[in-house]
Structure formats: structure tokens, C-alpha cells
Amino acid sequence: MTSDKDAVHTDLVDAVTAVVDQCLEDTRAVEVGQDNWYPDLLFRQETFIVHETADDVTIQVSSEAEADLTESMAGSESYYKQISDARPRLEDELNARNFVTEGYSDPETGEGRLRVFGWDHDPSWFEQGDYMKVYRWRTPIEVVHVSPPGEQPPEDRPLPVTGDGEYIGADTLHLYLRGNRGGEYLIDYDDDVASLYQRDSDTSETLTKSSEPGKTIFVGNPETGPRQTG
């Protein structure tokens, strides 16, 4: 999945960068890094003295006329432009486009950071070959088969069972998923509720329920990724 990881990260960076370009008047304010599969945005603070919070940005400019702040050090002056509330402004724009984000402060510098995990979509939106992030799992899982409501799943893709050993029928949407380390998972989607099941062991023929995730997140960019080029 290494090549997939690189491609998906690039697709997601493209989508995020497009929003940065629209939202911030100076795109130097944000440096796009990588955390696992996901873009990790750094809101730059280039001053020697901290004048701002993790929500703000200061970037160096060439003249006093452009500057909001001036710093003197070793007989020379440096000029900085301040962009207040850069992080919450960008996060609001991303969230308005259904991106799922997580803001935090850099533990060493105190600069603002923002992880972007992907797009919030319900399970019915996903297709085979997509990558899905579920709640706090760091690594997304791949959708390997979609069984629409009313369609019997393949024999090698077992349906989940309830606590009393009864199979859940094929009248709901099922997404079969594969983890990075070979784990097998299934999402049953019924009446806007997603239930996540997983196989207890390699020898088990059934899947048992583990949780009801509040979000299922598409990792990638549907406008430029495999959905468009595949």
C-alpha cells in the first residue's frame, strides 16, 4: 500500500491546497507537511519574539510598508506581516467543504498545526478501491467490495452475525474492507447508522460487531484521484 499512500496523500494535498489558495491572501502562511497518509498544515510564525497565538501567522516581508511588526536584532531590522486567525479561518472553510480536521499546537515551537484527514461521507458514497478512515484509527482501510441493499454478497465475503448468532441479512448496504496489515472488516449501513464488524481470527468464518463509528472519512480527492482517472 506504499504507492497508494503516496498517491492518496498527493490527491488530498491537491484538494487542501486549493482551499488554502482561496482562503488566505498569502499562501506562504501555510506549510504543507505529511503525517501518515494525511496533510499536516503548519501555520508559520517567523518572528524571533512570539507576538501571536497558535491561531495566527507571521511571515517576513521585504519592506516596512508591508509590515505589521518590526523586530530589531544585532543592529538590523526585520519586517513581518501578521495574519490573525489564519488557522480557524482555514479550518472553517475546510469544514464547510466536508473536510474532517484536527487542530493542535506544535509541541516544540507552539506554532499552530492542522491535520486534514479527508472528506466526511456516509458509507453509501464509497466505491471499491476507495480508502476510508474510521474514527481514531491512524491508517485508513481499503474498500474491497460493495454489496448494495438486496444483493447477496460473494461466498468468500461473510455477513456479520448478531450476538445471538443470527446473520444480518443482505437487505442493507455492506462495505467489505481490508486493513493495512491484513485485517478484515465490514460496515453494515442501515437507517443512517453505520455498524463496524471485524473478523475475530483468521480461522473464524463470521464477523462480530465492534462499534458504531460516528464518521466514515474518504481519504483522497474525488475530483483528481482514481475516481476520475481509473
Protein backbone atom coordinates (compact mmCIF):
# COMPACT_ATOMS: atom_id res chain seq x y z
CA MET A 1 0.00 0.00 0.00
CA THR A 2 3.04 2.31 0.00
CA SER A 3 2.45 3.57 -3.54
CA ASP A 4 -1.26 4.01 -2.76
CA LYS A 5 -0.34 6.00 0.34
CA ASP A 6 1.84 8.40 -1.67
CA ALA A 7 -0.80 8.83 -4.39
CA VAL A 8 -3.66 9.34 -1.94
CA HIS A 9 -1.63 11.83 0.09
CA THR A 10 -0.83 13.79 -3.09
CA ASP A 11 -4.52 13.82 -4.09
CA LEU A 12 -5.54 15.07 -0.66
CA VAL A 13 -2.83 17.76 -0.66
CA ASP A 14 -4.13 18.99 -4.02
CA ALA A 15 -7.64 19.34 -2.58
CA VAL A 16 -6.43 21.10 0.58
CA THR A 17 -4.07 23.43 -1.29
CA ALA A 18 -6.95 24.61 -3.50
CA VAL A 19 -8.81 25.73 -0.36
CA VAL A 20 -5.69 27.41 1.08
CA ASP A 21 -5.27 29.37 -2.15
CA GLN A 22 -8.86 30.60 -1.95
CA CYS A 23 -8.90 31.35 1.79
CA LEU A 24 -5.58 33.04 2.59
CA GLU A 25 -4.25 36.13 0.87
CA ASP A 26 -0.65 34.94 1.21
CA THR A 27 -0.18 31.20 0.78
CA ARG A 28 3.29 31.39 2.34
CA ALA A 29 1.38 31.43 5.62
CA VAL A 30 0.88 27.68 5.44
CA GLU A 31 3.49 24.97 5.01
CA VAL A 32 2.05 21.60 3.96
CA GLY A 33 3.73 18.61 5.60
CA GLN A 34 2.72 14.96 5.98
CA ASP A 35 1.54 12.90 8.94
CA ASN A 36 0.99 9.29 7.92
CA TRP A 37 -1.44 9.48 4.95
CA TYR A 38 -2.67 12.99 5.76
CA PRO A 39 -1.66 16.59 5.08
CA ASP A 40 -0.34 18.28 8.23
CA LEU A 41 -0.51 22.06 7.87
CA LEU A 42 1.93 24.32 9.74
CA PHE A 43 0.88 27.94 10.30
CA ARG A 44 4.18 29.74 10.14
CA GLN A 45 5.43 32.13 12.81
CA GLU A 46 8.72 33.55 11.62
CA THR A 47 9.33 36.19 14.28
CA PHE A 48 12.05 35.68 16.89
CA ILE A 49 9.75 37.03 19.60
CA VAL A 50 6.33 35.39 19.94
CA HIS A 51 3.69 38.06 19.28
CA GLU A 52 0.82 35.76 18.35
CA THR A 53 -1.20 32.68 19.32
CA ALA A 54 -1.34 29.27 17.59
CA ASP A 55 -4.25 30.61 15.54
CA ASP A 56 -2.16 33.38 13.97
CA VAL A 57 0.60 33.64 11.37
CA THR A 58 3.57 35.98 10.95
CA ILE A 59 5.63 35.90 7.75
CA GLN A 60 8.63 38.01 6.84
CA VAL A 61 8.21 40.75 4.23
CA SER A 62 10.78 42.89 2.49
CA SER A 63 9.70 46.40 3.48
CA GLU A 64 8.36 48.35 6.42
CA ALA A 65 5.42 49.49 4.29
CA GLU A 66 4.13 45.91 4.08
CA ALA A 67 4.80 45.15 7.75
CA ASP A 68 2.56 44.92 10.78
CA LEU A 69 5.50 44.15 13.08
CA THR A 70 9.14 45.21 13.20
CA GLU A 71 11.90 43.43 15.11
CA SER A 72 15.39 44.74 15.75
CA MET A 73 18.29 42.38 16.34
CA ALA A 74 22.08 42.84 16.09
CA GLY A 75 21.67 46.29 14.61
CA SER A 76 19.30 45.27 11.79
CA GLU A 77 15.55 45.36 11.41
CA SER A 78 13.24 42.66 10.13
CA TYR A 79 9.69 43.22 8.95
CA TYR A 80 6.74 40.88 9.37
CA LYS A 81 3.17 40.68 8.15
CA GLN A 82 0.63 39.31 10.61
CA ILE A 83 -2.41 37.26 9.56
CA SER A 84 -4.77 36.97 12.51
CA ASP A 85 -6.99 33.89 12.99
CA ALA A 86 -5.47 32.16 9.96
CA ARG A 87 -5.98 28.67 11.37
CA PRO A 88 -9.66 28.97 12.42
CA ARG A 89 -10.48 30.75 9.15
CA LEU A 90 -8.96 27.96 7.08
CA GLU A 91 -10.44 25.25 9.29
CA ASP A 92 -13.92 26.77 8.90
CA GLU A 93 -13.51 26.80 5.10
CA LEU A 94 -12.34 23.18 5.07
CA ASN A 95 -15.16 22.05 7.37
CA ALA A 96 -17.70 23.85 5.16
CA ARG A 97 -16.48 21.60 2.32
CA ASN A 98 -16.94 18.45 4.47
CA PHE A 99 -13.24 18.03 5.30
CA VAL A 100 -12.54 16.45 8.68
CA THR A 101 -9.78 18.32 10.54
CA GLU A 102 -7.91 18.29 13.83
CA GLY A 103 -6.19 21.41 15.15
CA TYR A 104 -3.28 21.31 17.60
CA SER A 105 -0.14 23.23 18.56
CA ASP A 106 3.39 22.16 17.68
CA PRO A 107 4.80 20.76 20.94
CA GLU A 108 8.24 22.31 20.35
CA THR A 109 7.52 25.73 18.79
CA GLY A 110 3.93 26.46 19.79
CA GLU A 111 3.02 27.13 16.16
CA GLY A 112 -0.47 26.21 15.05
CA ARG A 113 -1.00 22.99 13.11
CA LEU A 114 -3.97 21.40 11.40
CA ARG A 115 -4.29 17.77 10.28
CA VAL A 116 -6.68 17.13 7.41
CA PHE A 117 -7.96 13.55 7.34
CA GLY A 118 -10.26 13.64 4.32
CA TRP A 119 -13.90 14.14 3.47
CA ASP A 120 -16.88 13.24 5.66
CA HIS A 121 -19.21 10.97 3.65
CA ASP A 122 -21.74 8.36 4.68
CA PRO A 123 -20.94 4.75 3.69
CA SER A 124 -23.32 4.79 0.71
CA TRP A 125 -20.98 7.23 -1.06
CA PHE A 126 -17.95 4.90 -1.10
CA GLU A 127 -16.84 2.76 -4.05
CA GLN A 128 -14.49 -0.20 -4.43
CA GLY A 129 -10.88 0.98 -4.31
CA ASP A 130 -11.57 3.96 -2.02
CA TYR A 131 -9.75 4.44 1.27
CA MET A 132 -11.75 5.09 4.44
CA LYS A 133 -10.63 6.44 7.80
CA VAL A 134 -12.76 5.35 10.74
CA TYR A 135 -12.73 7.38 13.99
CA ARG A 136 -9.30 7.43 15.66
CA TRP A 137 -7.52 4.81 13.54
CA ARG A 138 -4.45 6.46 12.06
CA THR A 139 -4.27 4.31 8.92
CA PRO A 140 -7.21 4.14 6.51
CA ILE A 141 -8.70 0.85 5.34
CA GLU A 142 -9.42 -0.06 1.72
CA VAL A 143 -12.92 -0.75 0.37
CA VAL A 144 -12.50 -4.08 -1.47
CA HIS A 145 -16.15 -4.89 -2.23
CA VAL A 146 -19.53 -3.12 -2.12
CA SER A 147 -22.76 -5.10 -1.73
CA PRO A 148 -25.76 -2.80 -2.38
CA PRO A 149 -29.02 -3.43 -0.49
CA GLY A 150 -30.74 -6.56 -1.75
CA GLU A 151 -27.62 -8.03 -3.36
CA GLN A 152 -26.27 -11.27 -1.94
CA PRO A 153 -22.54 -10.87 -1.11
CA PRO A 154 -19.95 -13.26 -2.59
CA GLU A 155 -19.44 -16.55 -0.77
CA ASP A 156 -15.98 -15.50 0.40
CA ARG A 157 -17.34 -12.30 1.98
CA PRO A 158 -19.34 -13.41 5.05
CA LEU A 159 -22.14 -11.34 6.50
CA PRO A 160 -21.86 -10.29 10.15
CA VAL A 161 -23.72 -12.04 12.95
CA THR A 162 -25.69 -10.66 15.86
CA GLY A 163 -24.99 -11.51 19.49
CA ASP A 164 -27.35 -14.48 19.36
CA GLY A 165 -25.66 -15.96 16.30
CA GLU A 166 -28.18 -14.82 13.70
CA TYR A 167 -26.84 -13.47 10.40
CA ILE A 168 -27.69 -9.92 9.40
CA GLY A 169 -29.45 -10.16 6.04
CA ALA A 170 -28.40 -8.76 2.68
CA ASP A 171 -31.18 -6.13 2.60
CA THR A 172 -28.80 -3.39 3.81
CA LEU A 173 -25.65 -1.87 2.33
CA HIS A 174 -22.42 -3.70 3.16
CA LEU A 175 -18.88 -2.47 2.58
CA TYR A 176 -16.09 -5.03 2.87
CA LEU A 177 -12.77 -3.51 3.90
CA ARG A 178 -9.14 -4.61 4.21
CA GLY A 179 -6.65 -3.16 6.66
CA ASN A 180 -3.01 -2.33 6.07
CA ARG A 181 -1.90 -5.43 7.99
CA GLY A 182 -4.44 -7.81 6.51
CA GLY A 183 -7.32 -7.30 8.93
CA GLU A 184 -10.81 -7.85 7.53
CA TYR A 185 -13.68 -5.51 8.33
CA LEU A 186 -17.26 -4.89 7.25
CA ILE A 187 -19.58 -1.91 7.57
CA ASP A 188 -23.32 -2.51 7.65
CA TYR A 189 -25.24 0.68 6.85
CA ASP A 190 -28.91 0.77 7.79
CA ASP A 191 -31.19 3.74 8.56
CA ASP A 192 -28.23 6.18 8.65
CA VAL A 193 -26.42 4.05 11.25
CA ALA A 194 -23.04 2.52 10.37
CA SER A 195 -22.00 -0.60 12.28
CA LEU A 196 -18.40 -1.81 12.05
CA TYR A 197 -17.67 -5.54 12.25
CA GLN A 198 -14.37 -7.39 12.19
CA ARG A 199 -13.20 -10.98 11.99
CA ASP A 200 -12.08 -12.28 15.36
CA SER A 201 -9.37 -14.54 13.95
CA ASP A 202 -8.01 -15.92 10.67
CA THR A 203 -9.98 -19.14 11.18
CA SER A 204 -13.31 -17.51 12.03
CA GLU A 205 -15.98 -17.57 9.32
CA THR A 206 -18.10 -14.88 10.94
CA LEU A 207 -17.68 -11.21 11.71
CA THR A 208 -18.65 -9.64 15.03
CA LYS A 209 -19.64 -6.06 15.79
CA SER A 210 -17.03 -3.80 17.35
CA SER A 211 -18.52 -0.27 17.20
CA GLU A 212 -20.80 2.26 15.53
CA PRO A 213 -18.42 4.90 14.12
CA GLY A 214 -19.79 8.44 14.02
CA LYS A 215 -17.86 9.34 10.87
CA THR A 216 -16.63 7.47 7.81
CA ILE A 217 -14.00 9.61 6.09
CA PHE A 218 -12.95 9.38 2.44
CA VAL A 219 -9.15 9.76 2.22
CA GLY A 220 -8.16 11.30 -1.11
CA ASN A 221 -9.52 13.76 -3.66
CA PRO A 222 -12.55 12.54 -5.66
CA GLU A 223 -12.03 15.31 -8.22
CA THR A 224 -8.49 14.29 -9.24
CA GLY A 225 -7.92 10.81 -7.81
CA PRO A 226 -8.71 7.29 -9.05
CA ARG A 227 -12.45 8.04 -9.35
CA GLN A 228 -11.60 10.39 -12.23
CA THR A 229 -8.62 8.59 -13.78
CA GLY A 230 -9.48 4.96 -13.14
